[in-house]
Amino acid sequence: MLAPGCGRRVQSDIVKPIRHRQRPRSYLIALLLTVFVGCATDNSNRQTLVQYSTINALLSGVYDGDLTFGQLKRHGDFGLGTFNALDGEMVALDGNFYQVKTDGTVALVADAMLTPFATVTFFKPDHSLSLTNSLDFHGIEHALDQVLPDKNAFYAIRIEGVFASVKARSVPRQHLPYPPLLEAAKRQSIFEFHHVRGTMVGFRVPEYAGKLNVPGYHFHFLTADRHAGGHVLACRIQSGKAEIDRTTRFLMILPQHGAFAETDIAQPRNEELGTVEKGEP
């Protein structure tokens, strides 16, 4: 018998989001990477992966952004990210945006809330793949690698099914002065789910974009009843299906505030990112 919300909370430590003053009118500076040039419209974004800020900025402690979720929704209905002051994990699925909090609860995101980092797209799958044989996280990655036509493209990936287990995390709200993400992540909350139906929402980013986003695979999870979830640290799927949306267009939106402008985000931080992503700081 499946129990969609059957997760047990394991106390641990990780990161929290930060607060910055809201600038509703200073909306964005758009930087287009790859072959997409010009002013992005809602229609053009339907074939584009849109990202706000960079993963290196988040690693450096830039936890406040000036982009509202109401504005972010114009760029996609599927994706992941976090909230100002690192206040939990964000999952966007089927046009709804959810906040997974450190107490394990899930809430719908208000349009006025702000994000320091997010990646979204309008999800329209090009390929699908059945997943069986009780694959773990690395097995899922390997299965996906076999069917991706171009390792240098960006992919949005939705995996829906029955999971034997999922280990997920959420991060607590941070307070100024903000520590680097590696330090903030030491206060994460970890949730374990067993025999649960749900959806993994994520992306595969090419290695050359590693200073911009998480290279390789990055997933967040929601149970089928939308009552629990988090950033995926480990999982094992019993049966399910992966849907894959390939895109060659990448739009980056840069924050317009001093913390981002004054932070050195050029240095490679692969080892630090790997530690944070695995949830074992």
C-alpha atoms as a PDB file:
ATOM      1  CA  MET A   1       0.000   0.000   0.000  1.00  0.00           C
ATOM      2  CA  LEU A   2       1.531   3.296  -1.023  1.00  0.00           C
ATOM      3  CA  ALA A   3       1.750   6.060   1.525  1.00  0.00           C
ATOM      4  CA  PRO A   4       2.514   9.269  -0.397  1.00  0.00           C
ATOM      5  CA  GLY A   5       3.434  11.290   2.652  1.00  0.00           C
ATOM      6  CA  CYS A   6       5.251   8.591   4.574  1.00  0.00           C
ATOM      7  CA  GLY A   7       8.437  10.442   5.317  1.00  0.00           C
ATOM      8  CA  ARG A   8      10.342  10.599   8.538  1.00  0.00           C
ATOM      9  CA  ARG A   9      12.309  13.679   9.437  1.00  0.00           C
ATOM     10  CA  VAL A  10      15.920  13.218  10.451  1.00  0.00           C
ATOM     11  CA  GLN A  11      17.420  16.205  12.234  1.00  0.00           C
ATOM     12  CA  SER A  12      20.503  17.546  10.542  1.00  0.00           C
ATOM     13  CA  ASP A  13      21.988  20.879   9.571  1.00  0.00           C
ATOM     14  CA  ILE A  14      22.108  22.910   6.316  1.00  0.00           C
ATOM     15  CA  VAL A  15      21.660  26.363   4.791  1.00  0.00           C
ATOM     16  CA  LYS A  16      19.147  29.146   4.971  1.00  0.00           C
ATOM     17  CA  PRO A  17      18.113  31.836   2.552  1.00  0.00           C
ATOM     18  CA  ILE A  18      18.934  35.481   3.066  1.00  0.00           C
ATOM     19  CA  ARG A  19      16.972  38.674   2.924  1.00  0.00           C
ATOM     20  CA  HIS A  20      17.562  41.631   0.738  1.00  0.00           C
ATOM     21  CA  ARG A  21      15.582  44.745   0.154  1.00  0.00           C
ATOM     22  CA  GLN A  22      12.864  44.325  -2.416  1.00  0.00           C
ATOM     23  CA  ARG A  23      13.149  46.246  -5.668  1.00  0.00           C
ATOM     24  CA  PRO A  24       9.941  45.550  -7.537  1.00  0.00           C
ATOM     25  CA  ARG A  25      10.799  47.952 -10.365  1.00  0.00           C
ATOM     26  CA  SER A  26      14.424  47.154 -10.918  1.00  0.00           C
ATOM     27  CA  TYR A  27      13.402  43.922 -12.550  1.00  0.00           C
ATOM     28  CA  LEU A  28      16.315  42.494 -14.474  1.00  0.00           C
ATOM     29  CA  ILE A  29      19.326  42.692 -16.721  1.00  0.00           C
ATOM     30  CA  ALA A  30      19.033  39.938 -19.284  1.00  0.00           C
ATOM     31  CA  LEU A  31      22.150  38.261 -20.543  1.00  0.00           C
ATOM     32  CA  LEU A  32      21.641  35.857 -23.420  1.00  0.00           C
ATOM     33  CA  LEU A  33      23.991  32.945 -23.803  1.00  0.00           C
ATOM     34  CA  THR A  34      24.185  30.672 -26.887  1.00  0.00           C
ATOM     35  CA  VAL A  35      22.444  31.484 -30.149  1.00  0.00           C
ATOM     36  CA  PHE A  36      19.378  33.223 -28.722  1.00  0.00           C
ATOM     37  CA  VAL A  37      19.751  36.995 -29.148  1.00  0.00           C
ATOM     38  CA  GLY A  38      17.402  39.858 -28.392  1.00  0.00           C
ATOM     39  CA  CYS A  39      14.641  40.700 -25.983  1.00  0.00           C
ATOM     40  CA  ALA A  40      12.944  37.590 -24.612  1.00  0.00           C
ATOM     41  CA  THR A  41       9.188  37.376 -24.760  1.00  0.00           C
ATOM     42  CA  ASP A  42       6.869  34.910 -23.075  1.00  0.00           C
ATOM     43  CA  ASN A  43       6.410  33.128 -26.416  1.00  0.00           C
ATOM     44  CA  SER A  44      10.139  32.781 -27.129  1.00  0.00           C
ATOM     45  CA  ASN A  45      10.743  31.530 -23.597  1.00  0.00           C
ATOM     46  CA  ARG A  46       8.660  28.459 -24.343  1.00  0.00           C
ATOM     47  CA  GLN A  47      11.751  27.011 -26.004  1.00  0.00           C
ATOM     48  CA  THR A  48      14.249  28.442 -23.509  1.00  0.00           C
ATOM     49  CA  LEU A  49      15.778  27.480 -20.185  1.00  0.00           C
ATOM     50  CA  VAL A  50      15.672  30.627 -18.036  1.00  0.00           C
ATOM     51  CA  GLN A  51      17.915  31.100 -15.014  1.00  0.00           C
ATOM     52  CA  TYR A  52      18.063  33.827 -12.379  1.00  0.00           C
ATOM     53  CA  SER A  53      21.529  34.534 -10.888  1.00  0.00           C
ATOM     54  CA  THR A  54      24.341  31.934 -10.793  1.00  0.00           C
ATOM     55  CA  ILE A  55      25.192  28.922  -8.657  1.00  0.00           C
ATOM     56  CA  ASN A  56      28.581  30.459  -7.793  1.00  0.00           C
ATOM     57  CA  ALA A  57      26.809  33.523  -6.404  1.00  0.00           C
ATOM     58  CA  LEU A  58      24.670  31.255  -4.227  1.00  0.00           C
ATOM     59  CA  LEU A  59      27.752  29.346  -3.056  1.00  0.00           C
ATOM     60  CA  SER A  60      29.294  32.693  -2.089  1.00  0.00           C
ATOM     61  CA  GLY A  61      26.370  33.658   0.139  1.00  0.00           C
ATOM     62  CA  VAL A  62      24.341  35.881  -2.218  1.00  0.00           C
ATOM     63  CA  TYR A  63      21.010  34.708  -0.844  1.00  0.00           C
ATOM     64  CA  ASP A  64      18.840  37.715  -1.709  1.00  0.00           C
ATOM     65  CA  GLY A  65      17.420  38.459  -5.112  1.00  0.00           C
ATOM     66  CA  ASP A  66      15.162  41.113  -6.606  1.00  0.00           C
ATOM     67  CA  LEU A  67      13.076  38.840  -8.852  1.00  0.00           C
ATOM     68  CA  THR A  68       9.573  37.965  -7.657  1.00  0.00           C
ATOM     69  CA  PHE A  69       7.982  34.596  -8.298  1.00  0.00           C
ATOM     70  CA  GLY A  70       5.219  36.415 -10.137  1.00  0.00           C
ATOM     71  CA  GLN A  71       7.874  37.604 -12.596  1.00  0.00           C
ATOM     72  CA  LEU A  72       9.574  34.200 -12.680  1.00  0.00           C
ATOM     73  CA  LYS A  73       6.312  32.480 -13.680  1.00  0.00           C
ATOM     74  CA  ARG A  74       6.358  34.428 -16.948  1.00  0.00           C
ATOM     75  CA  HIS A  75       9.436  32.400 -17.905  1.00  0.00           C
ATOM     76  CA  GLY A  76       8.386  28.868 -17.025  1.00  0.00           C
ATOM     77  CA  ASP A  77       6.001  26.392 -15.391  1.00  0.00           C
ATOM     78  CA  PHE A  78       8.605  23.797 -14.395  1.00  0.00           C
ATOM     79  CA  GLY A  79      11.824  24.063 -12.419  1.00  0.00           C
ATOM     80  CA  LEU A  80      13.636  24.424  -9.136  1.00  0.00           C
ATOM     81  CA  GLY A  81      15.432  26.960  -6.966  1.00  0.00           C
ATOM     82  CA  THR A  82      15.284  28.539  -3.535  1.00  0.00           C
ATOM     83  CA  PHE A  83      13.972  31.604  -1.697  1.00  0.00           C
ATOM     84  CA  ASN A  84      15.467  34.785  -0.303  1.00  0.00           C
ATOM     85  CA  ALA A  85      17.512  34.023   2.800  1.00  0.00           C
ATOM     86  CA  LEU A  86      17.677  30.396   1.558  1.00  0.00           C
ATOM     87  CA  ASP A  87      14.297  29.756   3.133  1.00  0.00           C
ATOM     88  CA  GLY A  88      13.659  26.237   1.845  1.00  0.00           C
ATOM     89  CA  GLU A  89      13.603  24.408  -1.489  1.00  0.00           C
ATOM     90  CA  MET A  90      11.505  25.510  -4.467  1.00  0.00           C
ATOM     91  CA  VAL A  91       9.792  23.073  -6.830  1.00  0.00           C
ATOM     92  CA  ALA A  92       7.778  24.227  -9.863  1.00  0.00           C
ATOM     93  CA  LEU A  93       5.524  21.561 -11.374  1.00  0.00           C
ATOM     94  CA  ASP A  94       2.557  21.830 -13.739  1.00  0.00           C
ATOM     95  CA  GLY A  95       2.540  25.608 -13.337  1.00  0.00           C
ATOM     96  CA  ASN A  96       2.374  25.547  -9.534  1.00  0.00           C
ATOM     97  CA  PHE A  97       5.295  26.758  -7.417  1.00  0.00           C
ATOM     98  CA  TYR A  98       5.909  25.095  -4.039  1.00  0.00           C
ATOM     99  CA  GLN A  99       8.102  25.875  -1.022  1.00  0.00           C
ATOM    100  CA  VAL A 100       9.445  22.876   0.911  1.00  0.00           C
ATOM    101  CA  LYS A 101      10.241  24.180   4.389  1.00  0.00           C
ATOM    102  CA  THR A 102      12.707  22.811   6.930  1.00  0.00           C
ATOM    103  CA  ASP A 103       9.899  21.548   9.157  1.00  0.00           C
ATOM    104  CA  GLY A 104       8.860  19.252   6.310  1.00  0.00           C
ATOM    105  CA  THR A 105       5.721  21.142   5.303  1.00  0.00           C
ATOM    106  CA  VAL A 106       4.966  22.316   1.764  1.00  0.00           C
ATOM    107  CA  ALA A 107       3.217  25.566   0.849  1.00  0.00           C
ATOM    108  CA  LEU A 108       2.230  27.266  -2.379  1.00  0.00           C
ATOM    109  CA  VAL A 109       4.496  30.214  -3.228  1.00  0.00           C
ATOM    110  CA  ALA A 110       3.024  33.708  -3.225  1.00  0.00           C
ATOM    111  CA  ASP A 111       3.766  35.840  -6.303  1.00  0.00           C
ATOM    112  CA  ALA A 112       5.332  38.576  -4.146  1.00  0.00           C
ATOM    113  CA  MET A 113       7.991  36.268  -2.691  1.00  0.00           C
ATOM    114  CA  LEU A 114      11.569  36.708  -3.955  1.00  0.00           C
ATOM    115  CA  THR A 115      14.218  34.290  -5.169  1.00  0.00           C
ATOM    116  CA  PRO A 116      18.043  34.511  -5.164  1.00  0.00           C
ATOM    117  CA  PHE A 117      18.431  31.574  -7.569  1.00  0.00           C
ATOM    118  CA  ALA A 118      16.051  29.628  -9.795  1.00  0.00           C
ATOM    119  CA  THR A 119      15.940  27.735 -13.095  1.00  0.00           C
ATOM    120  CA  VAL A 120      12.682  27.312 -15.027  1.00  0.00           C
ATOM    121  CA  THR A 121      11.293  26.457 -18.444  1.00  0.00           C
ATOM    122  CA  PHE A 122       7.953  25.735 -20.094  1.00  0.00           C
ATOM    123  CA  PHE A 123       8.127  21.946 -20.032  1.00  0.00           C
ATOM    124  CA  LYS A 124       7.349  20.169 -23.281  1.00  0.00           C
ATOM    125  CA  PRO A 125       9.008  16.731 -23.481  1.00  0.00           C
ATOM    126  CA  ASP A 126      10.783  15.518 -26.614  1.00  0.00           C
ATOM    127  CA  HIS A 127      11.660  12.020 -25.362  1.00  0.00           C
ATOM    128  CA  SER A 128      10.476   9.549 -22.737  1.00  0.00           C
ATOM    129  CA  LEU A 129      12.107   6.601 -21.006  1.00  0.00           C
ATOM    130  CA  SER A 130      10.723   3.820 -18.825  1.00  0.00           C
ATOM    131  CA  LEU A 131      12.606   3.307 -15.559  1.00  0.00           C
ATOM    132  CA  THR A 132      12.467  -0.089 -13.836  1.00  0.00           C
ATOM    133  CA  ASN A 133      14.809  -2.596 -12.154  1.00  0.00           C
ATOM    134  CA  SER A 134      14.925  -0.632  -8.892  1.00  0.00           C
ATOM    135  CA  LEU A 135      17.442   1.919 -10.161  1.00  0.00           C
ATOM    136  CA  ASP A 136      19.239   4.101  -7.638  1.00  0.00           C
ATOM    137  CA  PHE A 137      20.209   7.734  -8.307  1.00  0.00           C
ATOM    138  CA  HIS A 138      23.363   6.795 -10.239  1.00  0.00           C
ATOM    139  CA  GLY A 139      21.429   4.162 -12.192  1.00  0.00           C
ATOM    140  CA  ILE A 140      18.871   6.764 -13.215  1.00  0.00           C
ATOM    141  CA  GLU A 141      21.660   9.111 -14.335  1.00  0.00           C
ATOM    142  CA  HIS A 142      23.253   6.335 -16.391  1.00  0.00           C
ATOM    143  CA  ALA A 143      19.928   5.399 -18.008  1.00  0.00           C
ATOM    144  CA  LEU A 144      19.299   9.030 -18.952  1.00  0.00           C
ATOM    145  CA  ASP A 145      22.825   9.440 -20.328  1.00  0.00           C
ATOM    146  CA  GLN A 146      22.171   6.611 -22.776  1.00  0.00           C
ATOM    147  CA  VAL A 147      19.272   8.404 -24.450  1.00  0.00           C
ATOM    148  CA  LEU A 148      20.326  12.066 -24.410  1.00  0.00           C
ATOM    149  CA  PRO A 149      21.124  12.988 -28.018  1.00  0.00           C
ATOM    150  CA  ASP A 150      23.519  15.842 -27.219  1.00  0.00           C
ATOM    151  CA  LYS A 151      25.601  16.104 -24.044  1.00  0.00           C
ATOM    152  CA  ASN A 152      26.275  19.817 -24.704  1.00  0.00           C
ATOM    153  CA  ALA A 153      22.613  20.846 -24.600  1.00  0.00           C
ATOM    154  CA  PHE A 154      20.466  21.723 -21.585  1.00  0.00           C
ATOM    155  CA  TYR A 155      17.697  19.312 -20.530  1.00  0.00           C
ATOM    156  CA  ALA A 156      14.661  19.621 -18.294  1.00  0.00           C
ATOM    157  CA  ILE A 157      13.729  16.221 -16.855  1.00  0.00           C
ATOM    158  CA  ARG A 158      10.573  15.020 -15.118  1.00  0.00           C
ATOM    159  CA  ILE A 159      10.609  11.596 -13.444  1.00  0.00           C
ATOM    160  CA  GLU A 160       7.286  10.329 -12.162  1.00  0.00           C
ATOM    161  CA  GLY A 161       6.670   6.992 -10.514  1.00  0.00           C
ATOM    162  CA  VAL A 162       6.788   4.839  -7.412  1.00  0.00           C
ATOM    163  CA  PHE A 163       9.940   5.196  -5.329  1.00  0.00           C
ATOM    164  CA  ALA A 164      11.215   2.560  -2.924  1.00  0.00           C
ATOM    165  CA  SER A 165      13.040   5.348  -1.128  1.00  0.00           C
ATOM    166  CA  VAL A 166      13.890   9.036  -1.419  1.00  0.00           C
ATOM    167  CA  LYS A 167      16.310  10.962   0.760  1.00  0.00           C
ATOM    168  CA  ALA A 168      15.683  14.697   0.479  1.00  0.00           C
ATOM    169  CA  ARG A 169      16.644  17.873   2.285  1.00  0.00           C
ATOM    170  CA  SER A 170      15.560  21.415   2.923  1.00  0.00           C
ATOM    171  CA  VAL A 171      17.544  24.341   4.285  1.00  0.00           C
ATOM    172  CA  PRO A 172      16.732  26.750   7.117  1.00  0.00           C
ATOM    173  CA  ARG A 173      16.413  30.480   6.775  1.00  0.00           C
ATOM    174  CA  GLN A 174      19.721  32.347   7.093  1.00  0.00           C
ATOM    175  CA  HIS A 175      20.397  35.653   8.825  1.00  0.00           C
ATOM    176  CA  LEU A 176      22.828  38.444   8.019  1.00  0.00           C
ATOM    177  CA  PRO A 177      25.748  38.398   7.717  1.00  0.00           C
ATOM    178  CA  TYR A 178      25.201  35.411   5.440  1.00  0.00           C
ATOM    179  CA  PRO A 179      27.704  32.558   5.582  1.00  0.00           C
ATOM    180  CA  PRO A 180      28.858  30.751   2.414  1.00  0.00           C
ATOM    181  CA  LEU A 181      26.539  27.965   1.296  1.00  0.00           C
ATOM    182  CA  LEU A 182      28.956  25.277   2.469  1.00  0.00           C
ATOM    183  CA  GLU A 183      28.609  26.585   6.033  1.00  0.00           C
ATOM    184  CA  ALA A 184      24.893  27.280   5.795  1.00  0.00           C
ATOM    185  CA  ALA A 185      24.288  23.746   4.536  1.00  0.00           C
ATOM    186  CA  LYS A 186      25.528  22.273   7.788  1.00  0.00           C
ATOM    187  CA  ARG A 187      22.127  22.934   9.323  1.00  0.00           C
ATOM    188  CA  GLN A 188      19.954  21.150   6.814  1.00  0.00           C
ATOM    189  CA  SER A 189      16.896  19.084   7.647  1.00  0.00           C
ATOM    190  CA  ILE A 190      16.829  15.640   6.025  1.00  0.00           C
ATOM    191  CA  PHE A 191      13.640  13.737   5.156  1.00  0.00           C
ATOM    192  CA  GLU A 192      13.365  10.055   4.263  1.00  0.00           C
ATOM    193  CA  PHE A 193      10.438   8.631   2.293  1.00  0.00           C
ATOM    194  CA  HIS A 194       9.687   4.959   1.662  1.00  0.00           C
ATOM    195  CA  HIS A 195       7.320   3.321  -0.846  1.00  0.00           C
ATOM    196  CA  VAL A 196       6.077   6.689  -2.016  1.00  0.00           C
ATOM    197  CA  ARG A 197       4.616   7.938  -5.264  1.00  0.00           C
ATOM    198  CA  GLY A 198       5.916  11.266  -6.479  1.00  0.00           C
ATOM    199  CA  THR A 199       7.765  13.369  -9.033  1.00  0.00           C
ATOM    200  CA  MET A 200      11.387  14.408  -9.440  1.00  0.00           C
ATOM    201  CA  VAL A 201      11.808  17.786 -11.148  1.00  0.00           C
ATOM    202  CA  GLY A 202      15.208  18.752 -12.459  1.00  0.00           C
ATOM    203  CA  PHE A 203      17.785  19.546 -15.094  1.00  0.00           C
ATOM    204  CA  ARG A 204      20.905  18.229 -16.711  1.00  0.00           C
ATOM    205  CA  VAL A 205      23.384  21.070 -17.276  1.00  0.00           C
ATOM    206  CA  PRO A 206      26.514  20.584 -19.444  1.00  0.00           C
ATOM    207  CA  GLU A 207      29.886  20.634 -17.711  1.00  0.00           C
ATOM    208  CA  TYR A 208      31.025  23.827 -19.461  1.00  0.00           C
ATOM    209  CA  ALA A 209      28.268  25.759 -17.635  1.00  0.00           C
ATOM    210  CA  GLY A 210      29.508  24.673 -14.201  1.00  0.00           C
ATOM    211  CA  LYS A 211      30.076  28.217 -12.911  1.00  0.00           C
ATOM    212  CA  LEU A 212      26.531  29.156 -13.834  1.00  0.00           C
ATOM    213  CA  ASN A 213      24.468  26.200 -12.669  1.00  0.00           C
ATOM    214  CA  VAL A 214      24.911  22.760 -11.114  1.00  0.00           C
ATOM    215  CA  PRO A 215      26.742  20.661 -13.744  1.00  0.00           C
ATOM    216  CA  GLY A 216      25.220  17.261 -14.391  1.00  0.00           C
ATOM    217  CA  TYR A 217      21.914  16.253 -12.829  1.00  0.00           C
ATOM    218  CA  HIS A 218      20.077  18.254 -10.166  1.00  0.00           C
ATOM    219  CA  PHE A 219      16.626  17.223  -8.882  1.00  0.00           C
ATOM    220  CA  HIS A 220      14.009  18.317  -6.387  1.00  0.00           C
ATOM    221  CA  PHE A 221      11.164  16.010  -5.289  1.00  0.00           C
ATOM    222  CA  LEU A 222       7.468  16.301  -4.484  1.00  0.00           C
ATOM    223  CA  THR A 223       5.190  13.548  -3.229  1.00  0.00           C
ATOM    224  CA  ALA A 224       2.065  12.893  -5.285  1.00  0.00           C
ATOM    225  CA  ASP A 225      -0.121  14.585  -2.672  1.00  0.00           C
ATOM    226  CA  ARG A 226       2.204  17.665  -2.732  1.00  0.00           C
ATOM    227  CA  HIS A 227       2.617  17.463   1.048  1.00  0.00           C
ATOM    228  CA  ALA A 228       6.359  16.722   1.261  1.00  0.00           C
ATOM    229  CA  GLY A 229       9.577  16.818  -0.732  1.00  0.00           C
ATOM    230  CA  GLY A 230      12.938  18.548  -0.992  1.00  0.00           C
ATOM    231  CA  HIS A 231      16.303  18.558  -2.759  1.00  0.00           C
ATOM    232  CA  VAL A 232      17.103  14.967  -3.786  1.00  0.00           C
ATOM    233  CA  LEU A 233      20.216  13.504  -2.153  1.00  0.00           C
ATOM    234  CA  ALA A 234      19.536   9.849  -2.959  1.00  0.00           C
ATOM    235  CA  CYS A 235      16.689   7.716  -4.265  1.00  0.00           C
ATOM    236  CA  ARG A 236      15.668   4.314  -5.601  1.00  0.00           C
ATOM    237  CA  ILE A 237      12.815   4.057  -8.090  1.00  0.00           C
ATOM    238  CA  GLN A 238      10.669   0.926  -8.340  1.00  0.00           C
ATOM    239  CA  SER A 239       8.930   1.862 -11.570  1.00  0.00           C
ATOM    240  CA  GLY A 240       8.256   5.046 -13.441  1.00  0.00           C
ATOM    241  CA  LYS A 241       8.826   7.176 -16.496  1.00  0.00           C
ATOM    242  CA  ALA A 242      11.269   9.935 -17.321  1.00  0.00           C
ATOM    243  CA  GLU A 243      10.233  12.699 -19.711  1.00  0.00           C
ATOM    244  CA  ILE A 244      12.989  14.802 -21.266  1.00  0.00           C
ATOM    245  CA  ASP A 245      12.782  18.293 -22.761  1.00  0.00           C
ATOM    246  CA  ARG A 246      15.894  19.317 -24.743  1.00  0.00           C
ATOM    247  CA  THR A 247      16.665  22.996 -25.316  1.00  0.00           C
ATOM    248  CA  THR A 248      19.528  24.868 -26.929  1.00  0.00           C
ATOM    249  CA  ARG A 249      18.419  28.298 -25.704  1.00  0.00           C
ATOM    250  CA  PHE A 250      19.637  29.626 -22.372  1.00  0.00           C
ATOM    251  CA  LEU A 251      18.597  32.998 -20.918  1.00  0.00           C
ATOM    252  CA  MET A 252      20.281  34.343 -17.792  1.00  0.00           C
ATOM    253  CA  ILE A 253      18.770  37.125 -15.689  1.00  0.00           C
ATOM    254  CA  LEU A 254      21.250  38.919 -13.427  1.00  0.00           C
ATOM    255  CA  PRO A 255      20.327  40.459 -10.037  1.00  0.00           C
ATOM    256  CA  GLN A 256      20.552  44.239  -9.777  1.00  0.00           C
ATOM    257  CA  HIS A 257      21.874  44.807  -6.287  1.00  0.00           C
ATOM    258  CA  GLY A 258      25.172  45.412  -4.551  1.00  0.00           C
ATOM    259  CA  ALA A 259      25.682  41.970  -3.024  1.00  0.00           C
ATOM    260  CA  PHE A 260      25.737  40.330  -6.443  1.00  0.00           C
ATOM    261  CA  ALA A 261      27.758  43.101  -8.088  1.00  0.00           C
ATOM    262  CA  GLU A 262      30.438  43.099  -5.384  1.00  0.00           C
ATOM    263  CA  THR A 263      30.913  39.323  -5.024  1.00  0.00           C
ATOM    264  CA  ASP A 264      33.702  37.444  -6.789  1.00  0.00           C
ATOM    265  CA  ILE A 265      31.854  34.626  -8.546  1.00  0.00           C
ATOM    266  CA  ALA A 266      34.507  33.819 -11.160  1.00  0.00           C
ATOM    267  CA  GLN A 267      36.522  31.278  -9.177  1.00  0.00           C
ATOM    268  CA  PRO A 268      35.820  27.575  -9.851  1.00  0.00           C
ATOM    269  CA  ARG A 269      34.071  25.960  -6.879  1.00  0.00           C
ATOM    270  CA  ASN A 270      33.370  22.436  -8.161  1.00  0.00           C
ATOM    271  CA  GLU A 271      34.551  20.618  -5.038  1.00  0.00           C
ATOM    272  CA  GLU A 272      32.542  22.891  -2.765  1.00  0.00           C
ATOM    273  CA  LEU A 273      29.461  22.517  -4.957  1.00  0.00           C
ATOM    274  CA  GLY A 274      29.823  18.739  -5.020  1.00  0.00           C
ATOM    275  CA  THR A 275      29.904  18.628  -1.229  1.00  0.00           C
ATOM    276  CA  VAL A 276      26.830  20.846  -0.898  1.00  0.00           C
ATOM    277  CA  GLU A 277      24.847  18.971  -3.543  1.00  0.00           C
ATOM    278  CA  LYS A 278      25.476  15.607  -1.879  1.00  0.00           C
ATOM    279  CA  GLY A 279      24.247  16.999   1.421  1.00  0.00           C
ATOM    280  CA  GLU A 280      27.325  15.940   3.366  1.00  0.00           C
ATOM    281  CA  PRO A 281      29.164  19.164   4.290  1.00  0.00           C
END
